[in-house]
Amino acid sequence: MLGKSSWIMLKAEVSQVLLHRAFAQSIATGEKVKAWAWADTYPVAEVRIPRINAAAIVLEGATPEALAFGPAHLTDTPRVGERGTTVIAAHRDTHFSFLRDVKIGDVVDVTRDDGLTFTYRITNTRVAEFNQSGIERHAAGHHLVLSTCWPFDALTHGTARYIVEAEMVQ
């Protein structure tokens, strides 16, 4: 069990290095760049929370495969910076473990693969059942939701989600 846990953490760290390279290349070339040949997804953004010095590259499509390597943008929600609510999800024990440290008022900077950066401010954190999240993807304005499983220290899968809500400030 310890070996499996260590492997998951190592894979999470190494994949982010490769994803950073692919993301930088996407910004430089304007092309979607996969981090490795067999990848079924590609980087679309980088999320940064400066106060806690946290950052992660975001993949397109919240498939189990994508979520194994990083946070993922839910494809049925708007792209970062567009009207509505963008939703990005990740695992609580790897890429979004830092969500336990965010506070209302924290700034979240999100850079898209076209190089544009959007700034959001956290307005709320809450826990909800996965099928009763209350997230409105077509909400007026420009919103961001970061979501992960709850509770953070659980050893088993659960149905509750920790939801961080933010509004665009620029």
C-alpha atoms as a PDB file:
ATOM      1  CA  MET A   1       0.000   0.000   0.000  1.00  0.00           C
ATOM      2  CA  LEU A   2       2.876   2.349   0.816  1.00  0.00           C
ATOM      3  CA  GLY A   3       4.484   1.534  -2.539  1.00  0.00           C
ATOM      4  CA  LYS A   4       1.271   2.237  -4.430  1.00  0.00           C
ATOM      5  CA  SER A   5       0.818   5.519  -2.579  1.00  0.00           C
ATOM      6  CA  SER A   6       4.392   6.553  -3.349  1.00  0.00           C
ATOM      7  CA  TRP A   7       3.931   5.668  -7.027  1.00  0.00           C
ATOM      8  CA  ILE A   8       0.812   7.846  -7.272  1.00  0.00           C
ATOM      9  CA  MET A   9       2.633  10.811  -5.720  1.00  0.00           C
ATOM     10  CA  LEU A  10       5.690  10.341  -7.957  1.00  0.00           C
ATOM     11  CA  LYS A  11       3.527  10.072 -11.074  1.00  0.00           C
ATOM     12  CA  ALA A  12       1.694  13.268 -10.086  1.00  0.00           C
ATOM     13  CA  GLU A  13       4.949  15.202  -9.670  1.00  0.00           C
ATOM     14  CA  VAL A  14       6.669  13.922 -12.821  1.00  0.00           C
ATOM     15  CA  SER A  15       3.589  14.452 -14.964  1.00  0.00           C
ATOM     16  CA  GLN A  16       3.381  18.110 -13.914  1.00  0.00           C
ATOM     17  CA  VAL A  17       6.982  18.663 -15.120  1.00  0.00           C
ATOM     18  CA  LEU A  18       6.132  17.184 -18.519  1.00  0.00           C
ATOM     19  CA  LEU A  19       2.844  19.088 -18.630  1.00  0.00           C
ATOM     20  CA  HIS A  20       4.622  22.392 -17.874  1.00  0.00           C
ATOM     21  CA  ARG A  21       6.855  21.811 -20.904  1.00  0.00           C
ATOM     22  CA  ALA A  22       3.917  20.998 -23.162  1.00  0.00           C
ATOM     23  CA  PHE A  23       1.956  23.991 -21.851  1.00  0.00           C
ATOM     24  CA  ALA A  24       4.861  26.375 -22.526  1.00  0.00           C
ATOM     25  CA  GLN A  25       5.143  24.960 -26.037  1.00  0.00           C
ATOM     26  CA  SER A  26       1.382  25.434 -26.557  1.00  0.00           C
ATOM     27  CA  ILE A  27       1.656  29.097 -25.605  1.00  0.00           C
ATOM     28  CA  ALA A  28       4.713  29.594 -27.834  1.00  0.00           C
ATOM     29  CA  THR A  29       3.281  27.852 -30.911  1.00  0.00           C
ATOM     30  CA  GLY A  30      -0.469  28.327 -30.565  1.00  0.00           C
ATOM     31  CA  GLU A  31      -0.880  24.573 -31.084  1.00  0.00           C
ATOM     32  CA  LYS A  32      -2.320  21.989 -28.706  1.00  0.00           C
ATOM     33  CA  VAL A  33       0.670  19.977 -27.497  1.00  0.00           C
ATOM     34  CA  LYS A  34       0.420  16.612 -25.748  1.00  0.00           C
ATOM     35  CA  ALA A  35       2.907  16.023 -22.935  1.00  0.00           C
ATOM     36  CA  TRP A  36       3.629  12.468 -24.147  1.00  0.00           C
ATOM     37  CA  ALA A  37       2.760  10.647 -27.354  1.00  0.00           C
ATOM     38  CA  TRP A  38       0.076   8.360 -25.935  1.00  0.00           C
ATOM     39  CA  ALA A  39      -1.733  11.116 -24.001  1.00  0.00           C
ATOM     40  CA  ASP A  40      -5.471  11.337 -24.601  1.00  0.00           C
ATOM     41  CA  THR A  41      -5.547  15.002 -23.536  1.00  0.00           C
ATOM     42  CA  TYR A  42      -3.480  18.187 -23.583  1.00  0.00           C
ATOM     43  CA  PRO A  43      -2.793  21.156 -21.271  1.00  0.00           C
ATOM     44  CA  VAL A  44      -5.255  24.044 -21.523  1.00  0.00           C
ATOM     45  CA  ALA A  45      -4.381  26.235 -18.529  1.00  0.00           C
ATOM     46  CA  GLU A  46      -2.269  26.798 -15.458  1.00  0.00           C
ATOM     47  CA  VAL A  47      -3.930  27.576 -12.113  1.00  0.00           C
ATOM     48  CA  ARG A  48      -1.893  29.557  -9.568  1.00  0.00           C
ATOM     49  CA  ILE A  49      -2.767  30.663  -6.042  1.00  0.00           C
ATOM     50  CA  PRO A  50       0.068  33.034  -5.091  1.00  0.00           C
ATOM     51  CA  ARG A  51      -0.651  33.342  -1.352  1.00  0.00           C
ATOM     52  CA  ILE A  52       0.004  29.640  -0.779  1.00  0.00           C
ATOM     53  CA  ASN A  53       2.516  29.274  -3.618  1.00  0.00           C
ATOM     54  CA  ALA A  54       0.434  26.593  -5.333  1.00  0.00           C
ATOM     55  CA  ALA A  55       0.208  25.909  -9.058  1.00  0.00           C
ATOM     56  CA  ALA A  56      -0.884  23.126 -11.388  1.00  0.00           C
ATOM     57  CA  ILE A  57      -1.253  22.580 -15.121  1.00  0.00           C
ATOM     58  CA  VAL A  58      -4.855  21.842 -16.144  1.00  0.00           C
ATOM     59  CA  LEU A  59      -5.760  19.227 -18.748  1.00  0.00           C
ATOM     60  CA  GLU A  60      -8.770  19.196 -21.051  1.00  0.00           C
ATOM     61  CA  GLY A  61     -11.522  16.736 -20.146  1.00  0.00           C
ATOM     62  CA  ALA A  62     -12.074  15.232 -16.711  1.00  0.00           C
ATOM     63  CA  THR A  63     -11.577  11.620 -17.731  1.00  0.00           C
ATOM     64  CA  PRO A  64     -10.090   9.193 -15.191  1.00  0.00           C
ATOM     65  CA  GLU A  65      -6.923   9.080 -17.295  1.00  0.00           C
ATOM     66  CA  ALA A  66      -6.547  12.878 -17.352  1.00  0.00           C
ATOM     67  CA  LEU A  67      -7.278  13.192 -13.624  1.00  0.00           C
ATOM     68  CA  ALA A  68      -4.476  10.731 -12.899  1.00  0.00           C
ATOM     69  CA  PHE A  69      -1.999  13.298 -14.228  1.00  0.00           C
ATOM     70  CA  GLY A  70      -3.453  16.655 -13.205  1.00  0.00           C
ATOM     71  CA  PRO A  71      -6.453  18.874 -12.661  1.00  0.00           C
ATOM     72  CA  ALA A  72      -8.909  18.784 -15.539  1.00  0.00           C
ATOM     73  CA  HIS A  73     -11.312  21.249 -17.118  1.00  0.00           C
ATOM     74  CA  LEU A  74     -14.841  19.856 -17.395  1.00  0.00           C
ATOM     75  CA  THR A  75     -15.514  20.116 -21.124  1.00  0.00           C
ATOM     76  CA  ASP A  76     -19.203  20.948 -20.728  1.00  0.00           C
ATOM     77  CA  THR A  77     -18.328  24.160 -18.863  1.00  0.00           C
ATOM     78  CA  PRO A  78     -17.031  27.411 -20.404  1.00  0.00           C
ATOM     79  CA  ARG A  79     -13.372  27.951 -21.102  1.00  0.00           C
ATOM     80  CA  VAL A  80     -11.486  30.016 -18.503  1.00  0.00           C
ATOM     81  CA  GLY A  81     -12.289  33.697 -19.002  1.00  0.00           C
ATOM     82  CA  GLU A  82     -15.577  33.101 -20.807  1.00  0.00           C
ATOM     83  CA  ARG A  83     -19.052  33.970 -19.505  1.00  0.00           C
ATOM     84  CA  GLY A  84     -20.499  31.357 -17.168  1.00  0.00           C
ATOM     85  CA  THR A  85     -18.846  29.020 -14.693  1.00  0.00           C
ATOM     86  CA  THR A  86     -15.624  27.230 -15.564  1.00  0.00           C
ATOM     87  CA  VAL A  87     -15.154  24.049 -13.521  1.00  0.00           C
ATOM     88  CA  ILE A  88     -11.765  22.470 -12.866  1.00  0.00           C
ATOM     89  CA  ALA A  89     -11.551  19.263 -10.837  1.00  0.00           C
ATOM     90  CA  ALA A  90      -8.650  17.270  -9.397  1.00  0.00           C
ATOM     91  CA  HIS A  91      -7.842  14.632  -6.809  1.00  0.00           C
ATOM     92  CA  ARG A  92      -7.672  15.721  -3.155  1.00  0.00           C
ATOM     93  CA  ASP A  93      -4.549  13.709  -2.400  1.00  0.00           C
ATOM     94  CA  THR A  94      -2.403  15.005  -5.272  1.00  0.00           C
ATOM     95  CA  HIS A  95      -3.000  18.007  -7.516  1.00  0.00           C
ATOM     96  CA  PHE A  96      -5.683  19.781  -5.453  1.00  0.00           C
ATOM     97  CA  SER A  97      -4.444  18.865  -1.981  1.00  0.00           C
ATOM     98  CA  PHE A  98      -3.588  22.566  -1.605  1.00  0.00           C
ATOM     99  CA  LEU A  99      -7.281  23.525  -1.671  1.00  0.00           C
ATOM    100  CA  ARG A 100      -7.400  22.764   2.058  1.00  0.00           C
ATOM    101  CA  ASP A 101      -5.258  25.898   2.543  1.00  0.00           C
ATOM    102  CA  VAL A 102      -7.211  28.430   0.462  1.00  0.00           C
ATOM    103  CA  LYS A 103      -9.205  31.203   2.100  1.00  0.00           C
ATOM    104  CA  ILE A 104     -12.005  33.467   1.009  1.00  0.00           C
ATOM    105  CA  GLY A 105     -10.395  36.502  -0.603  1.00  0.00           C
ATOM    106  CA  ASP A 106      -7.424  34.598  -2.055  1.00  0.00           C
ATOM    107  CA  VAL A 107      -6.479  35.425  -5.636  1.00  0.00           C
ATOM    108  CA  VAL A 108      -6.489  32.685  -8.275  1.00  0.00           C
ATOM    109  CA  ASP A 109      -4.627  33.433 -11.509  1.00  0.00           C
ATOM    110  CA  VAL A 110      -5.423  31.225 -14.481  1.00  0.00           C
ATOM    111  CA  THR A 111      -3.360  31.380 -17.665  1.00  0.00           C
ATOM    112  CA  ARG A 112      -4.867  29.783 -20.746  1.00  0.00           C
ATOM    113  CA  ASP A 113      -2.973  27.999 -23.497  1.00  0.00           C
ATOM    114  CA  ASP A 114      -3.268  31.134 -25.647  1.00  0.00           C
ATOM    115  CA  GLY A 115      -1.225  33.068 -23.064  1.00  0.00           C
ATOM    116  CA  LEU A 116      -4.113  35.152 -21.682  1.00  0.00           C
ATOM    117  CA  THR A 117      -4.277  35.358 -17.878  1.00  0.00           C
ATOM    118  CA  PHE A 118      -7.491  35.869 -15.906  1.00  0.00           C
ATOM    119  CA  THR A 119      -7.632  36.763 -12.235  1.00  0.00           C
ATOM    120  CA  TYR A 120     -10.346  35.486  -9.908  1.00  0.00           C
ATOM    121  CA  ARG A 121     -11.000  36.070  -6.206  1.00  0.00           C
ATOM    122  CA  ILE A 122     -12.301  33.266  -3.978  1.00  0.00           C
ATOM    123  CA  THR A 123     -15.758  34.155  -2.689  1.00  0.00           C
ATOM    124  CA  ASN A 124     -16.884  30.931  -1.026  1.00  0.00           C
ATOM    125  CA  THR A 125     -15.891  27.402  -0.032  1.00  0.00           C
ATOM    126  CA  ARG A 126     -18.389  24.663   0.726  1.00  0.00           C
ATOM    127  CA  VAL A 127     -19.038  20.936   0.772  1.00  0.00           C
ATOM    128  CA  ALA A 128     -21.773  19.356  -1.371  1.00  0.00           C
ATOM    129  CA  GLU A 129     -22.765  15.979  -2.702  1.00  0.00           C
ATOM    130  CA  PHE A 130     -21.341  15.397  -6.182  1.00  0.00           C
ATOM    131  CA  ASN A 131     -24.820  15.224  -7.717  1.00  0.00           C
ATOM    132  CA  GLN A 132     -26.139  18.270  -5.819  1.00  0.00           C
ATOM    133  CA  SER A 133     -23.309  20.746  -6.326  1.00  0.00           C
ATOM    134  CA  GLY A 134     -25.491  23.696  -7.258  1.00  0.00           C
ATOM    135  CA  ILE A 135     -22.923  24.773  -9.839  1.00  0.00           C
ATOM    136  CA  GLU A 136     -24.603  26.753 -12.608  1.00  0.00           C
ATOM    137  CA  ARG A 137     -22.412  26.549 -15.702  1.00  0.00           C
ATOM    138  CA  HIS A 138     -24.492  29.198 -17.514  1.00  0.00           C
ATOM    139  CA  ALA A 139     -24.485  31.709 -14.618  1.00  0.00           C
ATOM    140  CA  ALA A 140     -24.294  35.392 -15.467  1.00  0.00           C
ATOM    141  CA  GLY A 141     -20.799  36.812 -15.105  1.00  0.00           C
ATOM    142  CA  HIS A 142     -17.437  35.058 -15.108  1.00  0.00           C
ATOM    143  CA  HIS A 143     -16.955  32.408 -12.440  1.00  0.00           C
ATOM    144  CA  LEU A 144     -14.466  29.692 -11.582  1.00  0.00           C
ATOM    145  CA  VAL A 145     -15.031  26.571  -9.499  1.00  0.00           C
ATOM    146  CA  LEU A 146     -12.210  24.373  -8.251  1.00  0.00           C
ATOM    147  CA  SER A 147     -13.543  21.042  -7.016  1.00  0.00           C
ATOM    148  CA  THR A 148     -12.067  18.024  -5.267  1.00  0.00           C
ATOM    149  CA  CYS A 149     -13.233  15.127  -3.117  1.00  0.00           C
ATOM    150  CA  TRP A 150     -14.066  15.637   0.548  1.00  0.00           C
ATOM    151  CA  PRO A 151     -12.892  15.058   3.230  1.00  0.00           C
ATOM    152  CA  PHE A 152      -9.233  15.708   2.436  1.00  0.00           C
ATOM    153  CA  ASP A 153      -7.873  12.977   4.713  1.00  0.00           C
ATOM    154  CA  ALA A 154     -10.305  10.220   3.739  1.00  0.00           C
ATOM    155  CA  LEU A 155      -8.865   6.839   2.814  1.00  0.00           C
ATOM    156  CA  THR A 156     -11.859   5.721   0.768  1.00  0.00           C
ATOM    157  CA  HIS A 157     -13.844   7.148  -2.126  1.00  0.00           C
ATOM    158  CA  GLY A 158     -16.795   9.296  -1.187  1.00  0.00           C
ATOM    159  CA  THR A 159     -19.577  11.266  -2.776  1.00  0.00           C
ATOM    160  CA  ALA A 160     -18.926  14.642  -1.132  1.00  0.00           C
ATOM    161  CA  ARG A 161     -17.029  17.387  -2.927  1.00  0.00           C
ATOM    162  CA  TYR A 162     -15.127  20.409  -1.617  1.00  0.00           C
ATOM    163  CA  ILE A 163     -16.065  23.324  -3.827  1.00  0.00           C
ATOM    164  CA  VAL A 164     -14.080  26.562  -4.076  1.00  0.00           C
ATOM    165  CA  GLU A 165     -16.015  29.346  -5.814  1.00  0.00           C
ATOM    166  CA  ALA A 166     -14.384  32.424  -7.330  1.00  0.00           C
ATOM    167  CA  GLU A 167     -15.399  35.446  -9.406  1.00  0.00           C
ATOM    168  CA  MET A 168     -13.321  37.137 -12.083  1.00  0.00           C
ATOM    169  CA  VAL A 169     -11.793  40.438 -11.012  1.00  0.00           C
ATOM    170  CA  GLN A 170      -9.802  41.177 -14.209  1.00  0.00           C
END
